[in-house]
């Protein structure tokens, strides 16, 4: 998880996502649920390990991660 990489508490990271959501999405952050998540799992399930019961997933590109 990104919070672990930066050594911050998960709650701090969630607040950051809430406060800067528009900017992060503009830079490539994707918050996926429902049908979009199902399609991502079908398309990229062989590349990334996403548990089958995952109902929401945040995806970061390199730009957003930095």
PDB file of N, CA and C in Angstrom:
ATOM      1  N   UNK A   1       0.836  -1.189   0.000  1.00  0.00           N
ATOM      2  CA  UNK A   1       0.000   0.000   0.000  1.00  0.00           C
ATOM      3  C   UNK A   1       0.880   1.251   0.000  1.00  0.00           C
ATOM      4  N   UNK A   2       0.363   2.289  -0.592  1.00  0.00           N
ATOM      5  CA  UNK A   2       1.104   3.547  -0.715  1.00  0.00           C
ATOM      6  C   UNK A   2       1.407   4.142   0.657  1.00  0.00           C
ATOM      7  N   UNK A   3       0.470   4.045   1.591  1.00  0.00           N
ATOM      8  CA  UNK A   3       0.687   4.586   2.943  1.00  0.00           C
ATOM      9  C   UNK A   3       1.895   3.925   3.596  1.00  0.00           C
ATOM     10  N   UNK A   4       2.055   2.627   3.405  1.00  0.00           N
ATOM     11  CA  UNK A   4       3.208   1.921   3.962  1.00  0.00           C
ATOM     12  C   UNK A   4       4.509   2.414   3.332  1.00  0.00           C
ATOM     13  N   UNK A   5       4.487   2.633   2.035  1.00  0.00           N
ATOM     14  CA  UNK A   5       5.679   3.103   1.335  1.00  0.00           C
ATOM     15  C   UNK A   5       6.163   4.429   1.911  1.00  0.00           C
ATOM     16  N   UNK A   6       5.220   5.341   2.173  1.00  0.00           N
ATOM     17  CA  UNK A   6       5.575   6.657   2.697  1.00  0.00           C
ATOM     18  C   UNK A   6       5.680   6.695   4.218  1.00  0.00           C
ATOM     19  N   UNK A   7       5.364   5.588   4.876  1.00  0.00           N
ATOM     20  CA  UNK A   7       5.501   5.521   6.327  1.00  0.00           C
ATOM     21  C   UNK A   7       4.505   6.382   7.080  1.00  0.00           C
ATOM     22  N   UNK A   8       3.289   6.511   6.541  1.00  0.00           N
ATOM     23  CA  UNK A   8       2.241   7.280   7.211  1.00  0.00           C
ATOM     24  C   UNK A   8       1.083   6.355   7.560  1.00  0.00           C
ATOM     25  N   UNK A   9       0.278   6.808   8.503  1.00  0.00           N
ATOM     26  CA  UNK A   9      -0.885   6.045   8.915  1.00  0.00           C
ATOM     27  C   UNK A   9      -1.903   5.981   7.776  1.00  0.00           C
ATOM     28  N   UNK A  10      -2.615   4.877   7.681  1.00  0.00           N
ATOM     29  CA  UNK A  10      -3.606   4.712   6.616  1.00  0.00           C
ATOM     30  C   UNK A  10      -4.698   5.780   6.683  1.00  0.00           C
ATOM     31  N   UNK A  11      -5.076   6.196   7.883  1.00  0.00           N
ATOM     32  CA  UNK A  11      -6.095   7.252   8.021  1.00  0.00           C
ATOM     33  C   UNK A  11      -5.596   8.577   7.449  1.00  0.00           C
ATOM     34  N   UNK A  12      -4.322   8.870   7.666  1.00  0.00           N
ATOM     35  CA  UNK A  12      -3.726  10.084   7.108  1.00  0.00           C
ATOM     36  C   UNK A  12      -3.781  10.040   5.590  1.00  0.00           C
ATOM     37  N   UNK A  13      -3.473   8.894   5.046  1.00  0.00           N
ATOM     38  CA  UNK A  13      -3.489   8.735   3.597  1.00  0.00           C
ATOM     39  C   UNK A  13      -4.908   8.873   3.037  1.00  0.00           C
ATOM     40  N   UNK A  14      -5.889   8.322   3.719  1.00  0.00           N
ATOM     41  CA  UNK A  14      -7.284   8.442   3.274  1.00  0.00           C
ATOM     42  C   UNK A  14      -7.744   9.898   3.299  1.00  0.00           C
ATOM     43  N   UNK A  15      -7.336  10.643   4.317  1.00  0.00           N
ATOM     44  CA  UNK A  15      -7.667  12.075   4.371  1.00  0.00           C
ATOM     45  C   UNK A  15      -7.032  12.818   3.199  1.00  0.00           C
ATOM     46  N   UNK A  16      -5.808  12.462   2.878  1.00  0.00           N
ATOM     47  CA  UNK A  16      -5.119  13.073   1.739  1.00  0.00           C
ATOM     48  C   UNK A  16      -5.889  12.798   0.449  1.00  0.00           C
ATOM     49  N   UNK A  17      -6.341  11.564   0.277  1.00  0.00           N
ATOM     50  CA  UNK A  17      -7.123  11.215  -0.913  1.00  0.00           C
ATOM     51  C   UNK A  17      -8.409  12.027  -0.983  1.00  0.00           C
ATOM     52  N   UNK A  18      -9.065  12.206   0.148  1.00  0.00           N
ATOM     53  CA  UNK A  18     -10.307  12.985   0.180  1.00  0.00           C
ATOM     54  C   UNK A  18     -10.045  14.463  -0.137  1.00  0.00           C
ATOM     55  N   UNK A  19      -8.999  15.023   0.447  1.00  0.00           N
ATOM     56  CA  UNK A  19      -8.714  16.450   0.279  1.00  0.00           C
ATOM     57  C   UNK A  19      -8.217  16.815  -1.120  1.00  0.00           C
ATOM     58  N   UNK A  20      -7.520  15.901  -1.772  1.00  0.00           N
ATOM     59  CA  UNK A  20      -6.900  16.199  -3.065  1.00  0.00           C
ATOM     60  C   UNK A  20      -7.416  15.293  -4.184  1.00  0.00           C
ATOM     61  N   UNK A  21      -8.638  14.795  -4.028  1.00  0.00           N
ATOM     62  CA  UNK A  21      -9.200  13.842  -4.985  1.00  0.00           C
ATOM     63  C   UNK A  21      -9.208  14.376  -6.420  1.00  0.00           C
ATOM     64  N   UNK A  22      -9.645  15.599  -6.609  1.00  0.00           N
ATOM     65  CA  UNK A  22      -9.745  16.168  -7.960  1.00  0.00           C
ATOM     66  C   UNK A  22      -8.367  16.238  -8.617  1.00  0.00           C
ATOM     67  N   UNK A  23      -7.386  16.732  -7.888  1.00  0.00           N
ATOM     68  CA  UNK A  23      -6.027  16.843  -8.430  1.00  0.00           C
ATOM     69  C   UNK A  23      -5.444  15.469  -8.740  1.00  0.00           C
ATOM     70  N   UNK A  24      -5.645  14.510  -7.835  1.00  0.00           N
ATOM     71  CA  UNK A  24      -5.116  13.168  -8.050  1.00  0.00           C
ATOM     72  C   UNK A  24      -5.752  12.512  -9.271  1.00  0.00           C
ATOM     73  N   UNK A  25      -7.067  12.664  -9.420  1.00  0.00           N
ATOM     74  CA  UNK A  25      -7.745  12.090 -10.593  1.00  0.00           C
ATOM     75  C   UNK A  25      -7.249  12.748 -11.876  1.00  0.00           C
ATOM     76  N   UNK A  26      -7.005  14.040 -11.820  1.00  0.00           N
ATOM     77  CA  UNK A  26      -6.473  14.754 -12.985  1.00  0.00           C
ATOM     78  C   UNK A  26      -5.103  14.201 -13.387  1.00  0.00           C
ATOM     79  N   UNK A  27      -4.330  13.750 -12.416  1.00  0.00           N
ATOM     80  CA  UNK A  27      -2.988  13.228 -12.669  1.00  0.00           C
ATOM     81  C   UNK A  27      -2.953  11.725 -12.924  1.00  0.00           C
ATOM     82  N   UNK A  28      -4.120  11.046 -12.875  1.00  0.00           N
ATOM     83  CA  UNK A  28      -4.137   9.635 -13.248  1.00  0.00           C
ATOM     84  C   UNK A  28      -4.659   8.664 -12.217  1.00  0.00           C
ATOM     85  N   UNK A  29      -5.059   9.127 -11.042  1.00  0.00           N
ATOM     86  CA  UNK A  29      -5.613   8.238 -10.016  1.00  0.00           C
ATOM     87  C   UNK A  29      -6.981   7.739 -10.461  1.00  0.00           C
ATOM     88  N   UNK A  30      -7.223   6.449 -10.298  1.00  0.00           N
ATOM     89  CA  UNK A  30      -8.505   5.849 -10.659  1.00  0.00           C
ATOM     90  C   UNK A  30      -9.069   5.144  -9.439  1.00  0.00           C
ATOM     91  N   UNK A  31     -10.301   5.489  -9.095  1.00  0.00           N
ATOM     92  CA  UNK A  31     -11.017   4.800  -8.020  1.00  0.00           C
ATOM     93  C   UNK A  31     -12.082   3.957  -8.703  1.00  0.00           C
ATOM     94  N   UNK A  32     -11.947   2.657  -8.611  1.00  0.00           N
ATOM     95  CA  UNK A  32     -12.784   1.758  -9.392  1.00  0.00           C
ATOM     96  C   UNK A  32     -13.699   0.928  -8.497  1.00  0.00           C
ATOM     97  N   UNK A  33     -14.982   0.866  -8.883  1.00  0.00           N
ATOM     98  CA  UNK A  33     -15.973   0.026  -8.206  1.00  0.00           C
ATOM     99  C   UNK A  33     -16.909  -0.550  -9.265  1.00  0.00           C
ATOM    100  N   UNK A  34     -17.737  -1.478  -8.847  1.00  0.00           N
ATOM    101  CA  UNK A  34     -18.802  -1.991  -9.704  1.00  0.00           C
ATOM    102  C   UNK A  34     -18.328  -2.579 -11.018  1.00  0.00           C
ATOM    103  N   UNK A  35     -19.036  -2.205 -12.080  1.00  0.00           N
ATOM    104  CA  UNK A  35     -18.766  -2.756 -13.407  1.00  0.00           C
ATOM    105  C   UNK A  35     -17.359  -2.404 -13.892  1.00  0.00           C
ATOM    106  N   UNK A  36     -16.919  -1.184 -13.602  1.00  0.00           N
ATOM    107  CA  UNK A  36     -15.568  -0.782 -14.016  1.00  0.00           C
ATOM    108  C   UNK A  36     -14.518  -1.685 -13.366  1.00  0.00           C
ATOM    109  N   UNK A  37     -14.688  -1.984 -12.075  1.00  0.00           N
ATOM    110  CA  UNK A  37     -13.747  -2.858 -11.372  1.00  0.00           C
ATOM    111  C   UNK A  37     -13.790  -4.266 -11.954  1.00  0.00           C
ATOM    112  N   UNK A  38     -14.971  -4.750 -12.247  1.00  0.00           N
ATOM    113  CA  UNK A  38     -15.109  -6.084 -12.834  1.00  0.00           C
ATOM    114  C   UNK A  38     -14.360  -6.163 -14.162  1.00  0.00           C
ATOM    115  N   UNK A  39     -14.511  -5.136 -14.986  1.00  0.00           N
ATOM    116  CA  UNK A  39     -13.809  -5.104 -16.271  1.00  0.00           C
ATOM    117  C   UNK A  39     -12.294  -5.038 -16.089  1.00  0.00           C
ATOM    118  N   UNK A  40     -11.831  -4.258 -15.106  1.00  0.00           N
ATOM    119  CA  UNK A  40     -10.392  -4.192 -14.828  1.00  0.00           C
ATOM    120  C   UNK A  40      -9.853  -5.546 -14.388  1.00  0.00           C
ATOM    121  N   UNK A  41     -10.602  -6.251 -13.540  1.00  0.00           N
ATOM    122  CA  UNK A  41     -10.174  -7.576 -13.084  1.00  0.00           C
ATOM    123  C   UNK A  41     -10.079  -8.543 -14.254  1.00  0.00           C
ATOM    124  N   UNK A  42     -11.060  -8.493 -15.158  1.00  0.00           N
ATOM    125  CA  UNK A  42     -11.036  -9.377 -16.324  1.00  0.00           C
ATOM    126  C   UNK A  42      -9.863  -9.054 -17.240  1.00  0.00           C
ATOM    127  N   UNK A  43      -9.597  -7.778 -17.427  1.00  0.00           N
ATOM    128  CA  UNK A  43      -8.551  -7.361 -18.349  1.00  0.00           C
ATOM    129  C   UNK A  43      -7.147  -7.532 -17.771  1.00  0.00           C
ATOM    130  N   UNK A  44      -6.960  -7.219 -16.481  1.00  0.00           N
ATOM    131  CA  UNK A  44      -5.620  -7.210 -15.900  1.00  0.00           C
ATOM    132  C   UNK A  44      -5.438  -8.191 -14.745  1.00  0.00           C
ATOM    133  N   UNK A  45      -6.405  -9.059 -14.515  1.00  0.00           N
ATOM    134  CA  UNK A  45      -6.328 -10.001 -13.403  1.00  0.00           C
ATOM    135  C   UNK A  45      -5.097 -10.884 -13.440  1.00  0.00           C
ATOM    136  N   UNK A  46      -4.623 -11.208 -14.623  1.00  0.00           N
ATOM    137  CA  UNK A  46      -3.437 -12.051 -14.759  1.00  0.00           C
ATOM    138  C   UNK A  46      -2.151 -11.288 -14.442  1.00  0.00           C
ATOM    139  N   UNK A  47      -2.202  -9.963 -14.454  1.00  0.00           N
ATOM    140  CA  UNK A  47      -1.016  -9.138 -14.208  1.00  0.00           C
ATOM    141  C   UNK A  47      -0.896  -8.747 -12.736  1.00  0.00           C
ATOM    142  N   UNK A  48      -2.020  -8.397 -12.119  1.00  0.00           N
ATOM    143  CA  UNK A  48      -2.024  -7.978 -10.720  1.00  0.00           C
ATOM    144  C   UNK A  48      -2.851  -8.953  -9.896  1.00  0.00           C
ATOM    145  N   UNK A  49      -2.505  -9.077  -8.644  1.00  0.00           N
ATOM    146  CA  UNK A  49      -3.205  -9.999  -7.756  1.00  0.00           C
ATOM    147  C   UNK A  49      -4.291  -9.246  -7.001  1.00  0.00           C
ATOM    148  N   UNK A  50      -5.503  -9.244  -7.545  1.00  0.00           N
ATOM    149  CA  UNK A  50      -6.643  -8.592  -6.909  1.00  0.00           C
ATOM    150  C   UNK A  50      -7.567  -9.687  -6.396  1.00  0.00           C
ATOM    151  N   UNK A  51      -7.767  -9.781  -5.085  1.00  0.00           N
ATOM    152  CA  UNK A  51      -8.660 -10.812  -4.545  1.00  0.00           C
ATOM    153  C   UNK A  51     -10.055 -10.726  -5.165  1.00  0.00           C
ATOM    154  N   UNK A  52     -10.694 -11.866  -5.343  1.00  0.00           N
ATOM    155  CA  UNK A  52     -11.983 -11.916  -6.037  1.00  0.00           C
ATOM    156  C   UNK A  52     -13.081 -11.155  -5.308  1.00  0.00           C
ATOM    157  N   UNK A  53     -12.998 -11.009  -4.006  1.00  0.00           N
ATOM    158  CA  UNK A  53     -14.043 -10.329  -3.241  1.00  0.00           C
ATOM    159  C   UNK A  53     -13.799  -8.827  -3.083  1.00  0.00           C
ATOM    160  N   UNK A  54     -12.818  -8.296  -3.771  1.00  0.00           N
ATOM    161  CA  UNK A  54     -12.532  -6.865  -3.718  1.00  0.00           C
ATOM    162  C   UNK A  54     -13.687  -6.087  -4.333  1.00  0.00           C
ATOM    163  N   UNK A  55     -14.240  -5.118  -3.579  1.00  0.00           N
ATOM    164  CA  UNK A  55     -15.387  -4.352  -4.076  1.00  0.00           C
ATOM    165  C   UNK A  55     -15.011  -2.930  -4.506  1.00  0.00           C
ATOM    166  N   UNK A  56     -13.820  -2.488  -4.138  1.00  0.00           N
ATOM    167  CA  UNK A  56     -13.340  -1.165  -4.539  1.00  0.00           C
ATOM    168  C   UNK A  56     -11.819  -1.202  -4.610  1.00  0.00           C
ATOM    169  N   UNK A  57     -11.284  -0.422  -5.523  1.00  0.00           N
ATOM    170  CA  UNK A  57      -9.847  -0.457  -5.742  1.00  0.00           C
ATOM    171  C   UNK A  57      -9.371   0.904  -6.225  1.00  0.00           C
ATOM    172  N   UNK A  58      -8.334   1.424  -5.583  1.00  0.00           N
ATOM    173  CA  UNK A  58      -7.710   2.668  -6.023  1.00  0.00           C
ATOM    174  C   UNK A  58      -6.434   2.337  -6.772  1.00  0.00           C
ATOM    175  N   UNK A  59      -6.294   2.890  -7.961  1.00  0.00           N
ATOM    176  CA  UNK A  59      -5.123   2.626  -8.793  1.00  0.00           C
ATOM    177  C   UNK A  59      -4.322   3.906  -8.979  1.00  0.00           C
ATOM    178  N   UNK A  60      -3.017   3.794  -8.787  1.00  0.00           N
ATOM    179  CA  UNK A  60      -2.113   4.931  -8.905  1.00  0.00           C
ATOM    180  C   UNK A  60      -1.153   4.695 -10.059  1.00  0.00           C
ATOM    181  N   UNK A  61      -1.017   5.668 -10.930  1.00  0.00           N
ATOM    182  CA  UNK A  61       0.069   5.592 -11.895  1.00  0.00           C
ATOM    183  C   UNK A  61       1.308   6.186 -11.224  1.00  0.00           C
ATOM    184  N   UNK A  62       2.426   6.153 -11.911  1.00  0.00           N
ATOM    185  CA  UNK A  62       3.675   6.603 -11.301  1.00  0.00           C
ATOM    186  C   UNK A  62       3.623   8.078 -10.916  1.00  0.00           C
ATOM    187  N   UNK A  63       2.999   8.885 -11.754  1.00  0.00           N
ATOM    188  CA  UNK A  63       2.911  10.327 -11.485  1.00  0.00           C
ATOM    189  C   UNK A  63       2.143  10.611 -10.197  1.00  0.00           C
ATOM    190  N   UNK A  64       1.046   9.933  -9.994  1.00  0.00           N
ATOM    191  CA  UNK A  64       0.239  10.135  -8.786  1.00  0.00           C
ATOM    192  C   UNK A  64       0.974   9.597  -7.563  1.00  0.00           C
ATOM    193  N   UNK A  65       1.658   8.486  -7.736  1.00  0.00           N
ATOM    194  CA  UNK A  65       2.380   7.857  -6.635  1.00  0.00           C
ATOM    195  C   UNK A  65       3.442   8.785  -6.061  1.00  0.00           C
ATOM    196  N   UNK A  66       4.101   9.538  -6.932  1.00  0.00           N
ATOM    197  CA  UNK A  66       5.138  10.464  -6.472  1.00  0.00           C
ATOM    198  C   UNK A  66       4.517  11.688  -5.863  1.00  0.00           C
TER     199      UNK A  66
END
